[in-house]
Amino acid sequence: MDIRFSRAVMSALVIFVSTITATAQRKPSEATRPVVVLSSQSLDDLKAKLQSDNKTEELIDSAGMQLRVAVQHEKNKTGAPAELHDASDDVYYVLDGGATLVLGGKLDAPKEVEPGEWRSPRIIDGKTYEITKGDLVIVPRGTPHQRSTTNKNFTMILIKIYSEPLKKRS
């Protein structure tokens, strides 16, 4: 009985010391990328760069992260396909101009263009919204969405939040 008791005490002691050692060795994580701070002047400069065409300029590349931040400009863009993302949420913050969004409903004849990325010519039973400067739109994953800028200029910050970090590009 004494040997069993001694073994139990020794086992408990080993577990206790291992736990303390593991806890003592644990350190806070380190930043994987540099901090990004863009002043309003920087954003104004970026918007000016985008005004000539339908363009997207990356502010934060998504490689190795669960986040992508870009400034997107569209001018008189029609016929953009409806889309749905299985594994990412979209956040739009309108910097200038306006656009028409159709959100919700169901994709009509969806086609998977990449794993988890669906496209369709249109949305059935979606709700139409007019968005303008200062509006914030959150499109959760799995939500059909389609944007039109027919006869409009439109600039937004696009933030994509992925469920898993994207693979780093080689």
N, C-alpha and C. Protein backbone atom coordinates (compact mmCIF):
# COMPACT_ATOMS: atom_id res chain seq x y z
N MET A 1 0.83 -1.19 0.00
CA MET A 1 0.00 0.00 0.00
C MET A 1 0.86 1.25 0.00
N ASP A 2 1.96 1.21 0.74
CA ASP A 2 2.84 2.37 0.78
C ASP A 2 3.46 2.64 -0.59
N ILE A 3 3.80 1.57 -1.34
CA ILE A 3 4.40 1.73 -2.66
C ILE A 3 3.40 2.37 -3.60
N ARG A 4 2.15 1.92 -3.57
CA ARG A 4 1.11 2.51 -4.42
C ARG A 4 0.90 3.98 -4.08
N PHE A 5 0.86 4.26 -2.78
CA PHE A 5 0.67 5.64 -2.34
C PHE A 5 1.85 6.50 -2.80
N SER A 6 3.05 5.99 -2.67
CA SER A 6 4.25 6.72 -3.09
C SER A 6 4.24 6.97 -4.59
N ARG A 7 3.83 5.96 -5.36
CA ARG A 7 3.75 6.13 -6.81
C ARG A 7 2.70 7.17 -7.18
N ALA A 8 1.56 7.15 -6.52
CA ALA A 8 0.49 8.12 -6.79
C ALA A 8 0.97 9.53 -6.47
N VAL A 9 1.66 9.67 -5.33
CA VAL A 9 2.17 10.99 -4.95
C VAL A 9 3.22 11.44 -5.95
N MET A 10 4.11 10.56 -6.35
CA MET A 10 5.14 10.90 -7.33
C MET A 10 4.52 11.28 -8.68
N SER A 11 3.51 10.53 -9.11
CA SER A 11 2.83 10.84 -10.38
C SER A 11 2.18 12.22 -10.31
N ALA A 12 1.50 12.49 -9.21
CA ALA A 12 0.85 13.79 -9.04
C ALA A 12 1.89 14.90 -9.02
N LEU A 13 3.00 14.66 -8.36
CA LEU A 13 4.07 15.65 -8.29
C LEU A 13 4.67 15.91 -9.68
N VAL A 14 4.89 14.86 -10.45
CA VAL A 14 5.41 15.02 -11.82
C VAL A 14 4.44 15.82 -12.67
N ILE A 15 3.16 15.52 -12.60
CA ILE A 15 2.15 16.26 -13.37
C ILE A 15 2.14 17.72 -12.93
N PHE A 16 2.18 17.98 -11.63
CA PHE A 16 2.16 19.33 -11.10
C PHE A 16 3.38 20.13 -11.58
N VAL A 17 4.57 19.55 -11.48
CA VAL A 17 5.80 20.22 -11.91
C VAL A 17 5.77 20.45 -13.43
N SER A 18 5.29 19.48 -14.19
CA SER A 18 5.20 19.62 -15.65
C SER A 18 4.27 20.77 -16.01
N THR A 19 3.15 20.88 -15.32
CA THR A 19 2.19 21.95 -15.57
C THR A 19 2.81 23.31 -15.28
N ILE A 20 3.48 23.41 -14.14
CA ILE A 20 4.12 24.68 -13.79
C ILE A 20 5.21 25.02 -14.80
N THR A 21 6.01 24.05 -15.20
CA THR A 21 7.09 24.28 -16.17
C THR A 21 6.50 24.72 -17.51
N ALA A 22 5.47 24.04 -17.97
CA ALA A 22 4.85 24.40 -19.25
C ALA A 22 4.27 25.80 -19.18
N THR A 23 3.63 26.15 -18.07
CA THR A 23 3.04 27.47 -17.91
C THR A 23 4.13 28.52 -17.85
N ALA A 24 5.20 28.24 -17.16
CA ALA A 24 6.29 29.20 -17.04
C ALA A 24 6.97 29.44 -18.39
N GLN A 25 6.99 28.45 -19.28
CA GLN A 25 7.64 28.59 -20.57
C GLN A 25 6.75 29.27 -21.60
N ARG A 26 5.48 29.36 -21.35
CA ARG A 26 4.55 29.96 -22.31
C ARG A 26 4.80 31.47 -22.39
N LYS A 27 4.83 31.99 -23.62
CA LYS A 27 5.06 33.41 -23.85
C LYS A 27 3.95 33.95 -24.73
N PRO A 28 3.72 35.26 -24.68
CA PRO A 28 2.72 35.86 -25.59
C PRO A 28 3.17 35.67 -27.04
N SER A 29 2.22 35.62 -27.92
CA SER A 29 2.55 35.51 -29.34
C SER A 29 3.20 36.80 -29.81
N GLU A 30 3.88 36.71 -30.94
CA GLU A 30 4.52 37.88 -31.52
C GLU A 30 3.77 38.26 -32.79
N ALA A 31 3.83 39.53 -33.13
CA ALA A 31 3.17 40.02 -34.34
C ALA A 31 3.71 39.29 -35.56
N THR A 32 2.82 38.90 -36.45
CA THR A 32 3.24 38.20 -37.67
C THR A 32 3.48 39.16 -38.81
N ARG A 33 3.01 40.39 -38.66
CA ARG A 33 3.16 41.40 -39.70
C ARG A 33 3.31 42.76 -39.04
N PRO A 34 3.82 43.75 -39.78
CA PRO A 34 3.91 45.09 -39.20
C PRO A 34 2.53 45.73 -39.05
N VAL A 35 2.43 46.66 -38.14
CA VAL A 35 1.20 47.43 -37.93
C VAL A 35 0.99 48.33 -39.13
N VAL A 36 -0.27 48.55 -39.52
CA VAL A 36 -0.60 49.44 -40.62
C VAL A 36 -1.43 50.59 -40.07
N VAL A 37 -0.95 51.80 -40.23
CA VAL A 37 -1.70 53.00 -39.85
C VAL A 37 -1.70 53.90 -41.07
N LEU A 38 -2.89 54.19 -41.58
CA LEU A 38 -3.01 55.07 -42.74
C LEU A 38 -3.72 56.34 -42.31
N SER A 39 -3.07 57.46 -42.51
CA SER A 39 -3.70 58.74 -42.17
C SER A 39 -4.77 59.05 -43.20
N SER A 40 -5.61 60.03 -42.90
CA SER A 40 -6.66 60.40 -43.85
C SER A 40 -6.04 60.90 -45.15
N GLN A 41 -4.89 61.60 -45.09
CA GLN A 41 -4.21 62.04 -46.31
C GLN A 41 -3.79 60.85 -47.15
N SER A 42 -3.31 59.78 -46.52
CA SER A 42 -2.92 58.59 -47.27
C SER A 42 -4.12 57.98 -47.98
N LEU A 43 -5.26 57.93 -47.31
CA LEU A 43 -6.46 57.39 -47.94
C LEU A 43 -6.92 58.29 -49.08
N ASP A 44 -6.81 59.63 -48.91
CA ASP A 44 -7.16 60.55 -50.00
C ASP A 44 -6.26 60.32 -51.20
N ASP A 45 -4.95 60.13 -50.96
CA ASP A 45 -4.02 59.86 -52.05
C ASP A 45 -4.38 58.56 -52.76
N LEU A 46 -4.75 57.54 -51.98
CA LEU A 46 -5.12 56.26 -52.55
C LEU A 46 -6.40 56.38 -53.37
N LYS A 47 -7.39 57.11 -52.86
CA LYS A 47 -8.64 57.32 -53.61
C LYS A 47 -8.36 58.00 -54.95
N ALA A 48 -7.47 58.99 -54.95
CA ALA A 48 -7.13 59.69 -56.20
C ALA A 48 -6.51 58.74 -57.20
N LYS A 49 -5.71 57.81 -56.72
CA LYS A 49 -5.07 56.81 -57.57
C LYS A 49 -6.09 55.89 -58.23
N LEU A 50 -7.22 55.68 -57.56
CA LEU A 50 -8.22 54.72 -58.03
C LEU A 50 -9.26 55.33 -58.98
N GLN A 51 -9.37 56.63 -59.08
CA GLN A 51 -10.49 57.27 -59.76
C GLN A 51 -10.60 57.00 -61.26
N SER A 52 -9.52 56.64 -61.94
CA SER A 52 -9.59 56.55 -63.40
C SER A 52 -10.39 55.36 -63.93
N ASP A 53 -10.40 54.23 -63.23
CA ASP A 53 -11.04 53.02 -63.75
C ASP A 53 -11.66 52.23 -62.60
N ASN A 54 -12.15 51.06 -62.95
CA ASN A 54 -12.59 50.11 -61.93
C ASN A 54 -11.34 49.39 -61.43
N LYS A 55 -10.94 49.70 -60.20
CA LYS A 55 -9.68 49.17 -59.68
C LYS A 55 -9.84 48.74 -58.23
N THR A 56 -8.92 47.88 -57.82
CA THR A 56 -8.79 47.49 -56.42
C THR A 56 -7.34 47.65 -56.04
N GLU A 57 -7.10 48.31 -54.93
CA GLU A 57 -5.74 48.51 -54.42
C GLU A 57 -5.68 47.88 -53.03
N GLU A 58 -4.81 46.89 -52.86
CA GLU A 58 -4.68 46.20 -51.57
C GLU A 58 -4.04 47.12 -50.54
N LEU A 59 -4.63 47.20 -49.37
CA LEU A 59 -4.02 47.90 -48.24
C LEU A 59 -3.33 46.89 -47.34
N ILE A 60 -3.99 45.76 -47.12
CA ILE A 60 -3.41 44.66 -46.35
C ILE A 60 -3.65 43.39 -47.14
N ASP A 61 -2.58 42.77 -47.61
CA ASP A 61 -2.66 41.52 -48.35
C ASP A 61 -3.08 40.42 -47.37
N SER A 62 -3.79 39.44 -47.83
CA SER A 62 -4.35 38.41 -46.95
C SER A 62 -3.45 37.20 -46.76
N ALA A 63 -2.31 37.12 -47.43
CA ALA A 63 -1.47 35.92 -47.33
C ALA A 63 -1.08 35.64 -45.88
N GLY A 64 -1.42 34.44 -45.43
CA GLY A 64 -1.09 34.02 -44.07
C GLY A 64 -1.99 34.61 -43.00
N MET A 65 -3.02 35.34 -43.39
CA MET A 65 -3.90 36.00 -42.42
C MET A 65 -5.35 35.58 -42.66
N GLN A 66 -6.18 35.96 -41.74
CA GLN A 66 -7.62 35.76 -41.89
C GLN A 66 -8.30 37.07 -42.26
N LEU A 67 -7.54 38.00 -42.80
CA LEU A 67 -8.04 39.34 -43.07
C LEU A 67 -7.45 39.88 -44.36
N ARG A 68 -8.27 40.56 -45.14
CA ARG A 68 -7.81 41.28 -46.33
C ARG A 68 -8.47 42.64 -46.28
N VAL A 69 -7.70 43.69 -46.55
CA VAL A 69 -8.25 45.05 -46.59
C VAL A 69 -7.82 45.67 -47.92
N ALA A 70 -8.79 46.20 -48.65
CA ALA A 70 -8.51 46.82 -49.94
C ALA A 70 -9.40 48.04 -50.11
N VAL A 71 -8.97 48.96 -50.96
CA VAL A 71 -9.83 50.05 -51.40
C VAL A 71 -10.25 49.70 -52.81
N GLN A 72 -11.54 49.78 -53.07
CA GLN A 72 -12.06 49.38 -54.37
C GLN A 72 -12.83 50.55 -54.97
N HIS A 73 -12.59 50.79 -56.25
CA HIS A 73 -13.30 51.86 -56.97
C HIS A 73 -13.98 51.26 -58.19
N GLU A 74 -15.23 51.62 -58.38
CA GLU A 74 -15.98 51.20 -59.56
C GLU A 74 -16.65 52.41 -60.17
N LYS A 75 -16.68 52.44 -61.48
CA LYS A 75 -17.35 53.53 -62.19
C LYS A 75 -18.23 52.91 -63.27
N ASN A 76 -19.52 53.13 -63.15
CA ASN A 76 -20.48 52.68 -64.15
C ASN A 76 -20.30 51.20 -64.49
N LYS A 77 -20.18 50.37 -63.45
CA LYS A 77 -19.99 48.93 -63.65
C LYS A 77 -21.35 48.24 -63.64
N THR A 78 -21.65 47.55 -64.73
CA THR A 78 -22.92 46.83 -64.83
C THR A 78 -22.64 45.35 -65.09
N GLY A 79 -23.60 44.53 -64.78
CA GLY A 79 -23.50 43.11 -65.10
C GLY A 79 -22.57 42.30 -64.22
N ALA A 80 -22.18 42.84 -63.07
CA ALA A 80 -21.33 42.06 -62.16
C ALA A 80 -22.13 40.86 -61.65
N PRO A 81 -21.50 39.70 -61.57
CA PRO A 81 -22.25 38.53 -61.10
C PRO A 81 -22.59 38.65 -59.61
N ALA A 82 -23.63 37.96 -59.23
CA ALA A 82 -23.95 37.81 -57.81
C ALA A 82 -22.95 36.80 -57.26
N GLU A 83 -22.66 36.92 -55.97
CA GLU A 83 -21.68 36.00 -55.38
C GLU A 83 -22.09 35.60 -53.98
N LEU A 84 -21.46 34.54 -53.52
CA LEU A 84 -21.66 34.02 -52.17
C LEU A 84 -20.34 33.37 -51.76
N HIS A 85 -19.91 33.63 -50.53
CA HIS A 85 -18.67 33.05 -50.01
C HIS A 85 -19.02 32.12 -48.85
N ASP A 86 -18.57 30.87 -48.95
CA ASP A 86 -18.82 29.90 -47.87
C ASP A 86 -17.98 30.20 -46.63
N ALA A 87 -16.79 30.77 -46.81
CA ALA A 87 -15.84 30.85 -45.68
C ALA A 87 -15.28 32.26 -45.45
N SER A 88 -16.00 33.29 -45.88
CA SER A 88 -15.53 34.65 -45.58
C SER A 88 -16.71 35.61 -45.47
N ASP A 89 -16.53 36.58 -44.57
CA ASP A 89 -17.50 37.66 -44.39
C ASP A 89 -16.94 38.88 -45.11
N ASP A 90 -17.81 39.74 -45.63
CA ASP A 90 -17.40 40.99 -46.26
C ASP A 90 -17.91 42.16 -45.43
N VAL A 91 -17.07 43.18 -45.31
CA VAL A 91 -17.48 44.43 -44.67
C VAL A 91 -17.15 45.54 -45.67
N TYR A 92 -18.14 46.37 -45.99
CA TYR A 92 -17.93 47.50 -46.90
C TYR A 92 -18.09 48.79 -46.09
N TYR A 93 -17.17 49.71 -46.28
CA TYR A 93 -17.34 51.07 -45.75
C TYR A 93 -17.23 51.99 -46.94
N VAL A 94 -18.32 52.71 -47.25
CA VAL A 94 -18.38 53.56 -48.44
C VAL A 94 -17.63 54.87 -48.18
N LEU A 95 -16.59 55.09 -48.98
CA LEU A 95 -15.80 56.32 -48.87
C LEU A 95 -16.38 57.45 -49.70
N ASP A 96 -16.95 57.10 -50.87
CA ASP A 96 -17.46 58.12 -51.76
C ASP A 96 -18.43 57.50 -52.75
N GLY A 97 -19.37 58.31 -53.24
CA GLY A 97 -20.30 57.86 -54.26
C GLY A 97 -21.38 56.95 -53.73
N GLY A 98 -21.92 56.12 -54.61
CA GLY A 98 -23.01 55.24 -54.22
C GLY A 98 -23.06 54.01 -55.10
N ALA A 99 -23.82 53.02 -54.63
CA ALA A 99 -23.99 51.77 -55.36
C ALA A 99 -25.34 51.17 -54.97
N THR A 100 -25.79 50.25 -55.80
CA THR A 100 -27.00 49.49 -55.51
C THR A 100 -26.56 48.09 -55.13
N LEU A 101 -27.04 47.62 -53.98
CA LEU A 101 -26.74 46.27 -53.52
C LEU A 101 -28.01 45.45 -53.51
N VAL A 102 -27.88 44.19 -53.87
CA VAL A 102 -28.95 43.22 -53.66
C VAL A 102 -28.36 42.20 -52.69
N LEU A 103 -29.04 42.03 -51.54
CA LEU A 103 -28.53 41.15 -50.48
C LEU A 103 -29.59 40.13 -50.10
N GLY A 104 -29.12 38.93 -49.74
CA GLY A 104 -30.04 37.88 -49.27
C GLY A 104 -30.64 37.12 -50.43
N GLY A 105 -31.72 36.43 -50.15
CA GLY A 105 -32.36 35.61 -51.17
C GLY A 105 -31.52 34.38 -51.51
N LYS A 106 -31.59 33.97 -52.78
CA LYS A 106 -30.85 32.78 -53.24
C LYS A 106 -30.21 33.08 -54.58
N LEU A 107 -29.05 32.48 -54.80
CA LEU A 107 -28.40 32.59 -56.11
C LEU A 107 -29.20 31.80 -57.14
N ASP A 108 -29.38 32.37 -58.32
CA ASP A 108 -30.07 31.70 -59.42
C ASP A 108 -29.02 30.91 -60.22
N ALA A 109 -29.12 29.59 -60.25
CA ALA A 109 -28.20 28.71 -60.97
C ALA A 109 -26.74 28.96 -60.56
N PRO A 110 -26.42 28.77 -59.28
CA PRO A 110 -25.05 29.04 -58.82
C PRO A 110 -24.03 28.08 -59.40
N LYS A 111 -22.83 28.62 -59.65
CA LYS A 111 -21.70 27.81 -60.11
C LYS A 111 -20.53 28.08 -59.17
N GLU A 112 -19.86 27.01 -58.73
CA GLU A 112 -18.70 27.16 -57.86
C GLU A 112 -17.47 27.45 -58.73
N VAL A 113 -16.94 28.67 -58.63
CA VAL A 113 -15.81 29.08 -59.47
C VAL A 113 -14.46 28.75 -58.82
N GLU A 114 -14.43 28.63 -57.52
CA GLU A 114 -13.30 28.18 -56.71
C GLU A 114 -13.92 27.50 -55.50
N PRO A 115 -13.17 26.69 -54.78
CA PRO A 115 -13.78 26.05 -53.60
C PRO A 115 -14.39 27.08 -52.64
N GLY A 116 -15.70 26.97 -52.43
CA GLY A 116 -16.41 27.85 -51.51
C GLY A 116 -16.75 29.22 -52.06
N GLU A 117 -16.45 29.48 -53.34
CA GLU A 117 -16.76 30.76 -53.99
C GLU A 117 -17.78 30.51 -55.10
N TRP A 118 -18.97 31.06 -54.92
CA TRP A 118 -20.08 30.81 -55.82
C TRP A 118 -20.43 32.07 -56.61
N ARG A 119 -20.82 31.91 -57.88
CA ARG A 119 -21.24 33.03 -58.72
C ARG A 119 -22.54 32.65 -59.42
N SER A 120 -23.28 33.69 -59.77
CA SER A 120 -24.57 33.51 -60.43
C SER A 120 -24.90 34.79 -61.19
N PRO A 121 -25.70 34.70 -62.25
CA PRO A 121 -26.07 35.92 -62.97
C PRO A 121 -26.95 36.85 -62.14
N ARG A 122 -27.73 36.28 -61.20
CA ARG A 122 -28.64 37.13 -60.42
C ARG A 122 -29.05 36.47 -59.12
N ILE A 123 -29.73 37.26 -58.30
CA ILE A 123 -30.25 36.79 -57.01
C ILE A 123 -31.76 36.76 -57.09
N ILE A 124 -32.35 35.71 -56.58
CA ILE A 124 -33.81 35.58 -56.51
C ILE A 124 -34.25 35.95 -55.09
N ASP A 125 -35.24 36.82 -55.00
CA ASP A 125 -35.86 37.23 -53.72
C ASP A 125 -34.90 37.95 -52.77
N GLY A 126 -33.91 38.64 -53.31
CA GLY A 126 -33.04 39.45 -52.46
C GLY A 126 -33.67 40.81 -52.19
N LYS A 127 -33.10 41.55 -51.25
CA LYS A 127 -33.58 42.88 -50.93
C LYS A 127 -32.60 43.90 -51.49
N THR A 128 -33.10 44.98 -52.13
CA THR A 128 -32.28 46.00 -52.76
C THR A 128 -32.04 47.16 -51.79
N TYR A 129 -30.77 47.59 -51.74
CA TYR A 129 -30.37 48.72 -50.89
C TYR A 129 -29.57 49.70 -51.73
N GLU A 130 -29.78 51.00 -51.49
CA GLU A 130 -28.95 52.05 -52.07
C GLU A 130 -27.98 52.47 -50.97
N ILE A 131 -26.68 52.37 -51.24
CA ILE A 131 -25.70 52.77 -50.24
C ILE A 131 -24.90 53.97 -50.74
N THR A 132 -24.53 54.84 -49.79
CA THR A 132 -23.79 56.05 -50.13
C THR A 132 -22.70 56.31 -49.10
N LYS A 133 -21.94 57.37 -49.33
CA LYS A 133 -20.80 57.75 -48.49
C LYS A 133 -21.15 57.66 -47.00
N GLY A 134 -20.28 56.97 -46.26
CA GLY A 134 -20.45 56.83 -44.82
C GLY A 134 -21.20 55.58 -44.39
N ASP A 135 -21.83 54.89 -45.33
CA ASP A 135 -22.57 53.67 -44.98
C ASP A 135 -21.62 52.51 -44.70
N LEU A 136 -22.01 51.67 -43.78
CA LEU A 136 -21.27 50.46 -43.42
C LEU A 136 -22.18 49.27 -43.68
N VAL A 137 -21.69 48.29 -44.41
CA VAL A 137 -22.48 47.11 -44.76
C VAL A 137 -21.70 45.87 -44.34
N ILE A 138 -22.35 44.96 -43.63
CA ILE A 138 -21.73 43.71 -43.23
C ILE A 138 -22.49 42.58 -43.92
N VAL A 139 -21.76 41.81 -44.72
CA VAL A 139 -22.35 40.71 -45.47
C VAL A 139 -21.77 39.40 -44.90
N PRO A 140 -22.53 38.71 -44.04
CA PRO A 140 -22.03 37.47 -43.44
C PRO A 140 -21.83 36.38 -44.49
N ARG A 141 -20.87 35.49 -44.21
CA ARG A 141 -20.64 34.36 -45.12
C ARG A 141 -21.95 33.63 -45.37
N GLY A 142 -22.10 33.12 -46.58
CA GLY A 142 -23.32 32.40 -46.95
C GLY A 142 -24.44 33.30 -47.44
N THR A 143 -24.21 34.61 -47.47
CA THR A 143 -25.24 35.56 -47.92
C THR A 143 -25.01 35.94 -49.37
N PRO A 144 -25.98 35.68 -50.26
CA PRO A 144 -25.84 36.15 -51.64
C PRO A 144 -25.76 37.68 -51.66
N HIS A 145 -24.88 38.22 -52.52
CA HIS A 145 -24.77 39.67 -52.65
C HIS A 145 -24.32 40.03 -54.07
N GLN A 146 -24.82 41.18 -54.52
CA GLN A 146 -24.53 41.66 -55.87
C GLN A 146 -24.52 43.18 -55.83
N ARG A 147 -23.52 43.78 -56.51
CA ARG A 147 -23.37 45.24 -56.49
C ARG A 147 -23.41 45.77 -57.91
N SER A 148 -24.07 46.91 -58.08
CA SER A 148 -24.12 47.59 -59.37
C SER A 148 -23.78 49.06 -59.15
N THR A 149 -22.97 49.61 -60.06
CA THR A 149 -22.65 51.03 -60.01
C THR A 149 -23.02 51.69 -61.35
N THR A 150 -24.09 51.22 -61.96
CA THR A 150 -24.55 51.78 -63.23
C THR A 150 -24.78 53.28 -63.06
N ASN A 151 -24.14 54.08 -63.93
CA ASN A 151 -24.22 55.54 -63.91
C ASN A 151 -23.76 56.16 -62.59
N LYS A 152 -22.85 55.48 -61.88
CA LYS A 152 -22.37 55.97 -60.59
C LYS A 152 -20.86 55.79 -60.47
N ASN A 153 -20.26 56.62 -59.65
CA ASN A 153 -18.89 56.45 -59.17
C ASN A 153 -18.99 55.91 -57.76
N PHE A 154 -18.13 54.98 -57.40
CA PHE A 154 -18.24 54.33 -56.09
C PHE A 154 -16.86 53.95 -55.59
N THR A 155 -16.54 54.33 -54.35
CA THR A 155 -15.28 53.94 -53.73
C THR A 155 -15.57 53.44 -52.33
N MET A 156 -15.00 52.28 -51.99
CA MET A 156 -15.23 51.71 -50.66
C MET A 156 -13.97 51.06 -50.14
N ILE A 157 -13.93 50.90 -48.82
CA ILE A 157 -12.95 50.03 -48.20
C ILE A 157 -13.63 48.68 -48.08
N LEU A 158 -12.97 47.64 -48.58
CA LEU A 158 -13.47 46.28 -48.48
C LEU A 158 -12.61 45.54 -47.46
N ILE A 159 -13.28 44.97 -46.46
CA ILE A 159 -12.60 44.15 -45.47
C ILE A 159 -13.18 42.75 -45.58
N LYS A 160 -12.33 41.78 -45.87
CA LYS A 160 -12.76 40.38 -45.92
C LYS A 160 -12.19 39.68 -44.70
N ILE A 161 -13.03 38.92 -44.03
CA ILE A 161 -12.62 38.17 -42.84
C ILE A 161 -12.83 36.70 -43.17
N TYR A 162 -11.71 35.96 -43.24
CA TYR A 162 -11.74 34.55 -43.62
C TYR A 162 -11.84 33.65 -42.39
N SER A 163 -12.48 32.51 -42.55
CA SER A 163 -12.60 31.56 -41.43
C SER A 163 -11.26 30.92 -41.11
N GLU A 164 -10.37 30.80 -42.08
CA GLU A 164 -9.04 30.22 -41.91
C GLU A 164 -8.02 31.13 -42.56
N PRO A 165 -6.80 31.19 -42.06
CA PRO A 165 -5.78 32.00 -42.73
C PRO A 165 -5.54 31.49 -44.15
N LEU A 166 -5.32 32.41 -45.07
CA LEU A 166 -5.03 32.04 -46.44
C LEU A 166 -3.58 31.63 -46.55
N LYS A 167 -3.29 30.74 -47.48
CA LYS A 167 -1.91 30.29 -47.69
C LYS A 167 -1.07 31.44 -48.22
N LYS A 168 0.17 31.49 -47.76
CA LYS A 168 1.09 32.52 -48.25
C LYS A 168 1.47 32.21 -49.67
N ARG A 169 1.56 33.28 -50.46
CA ARG A 169 1.95 33.12 -51.87
C ARG A 169 3.44 32.88 -51.94
N SER A 170 3.85 32.07 -52.92
CA SER A 170 5.30 31.83 -53.07
C SER A 170 5.96 32.88 -53.89
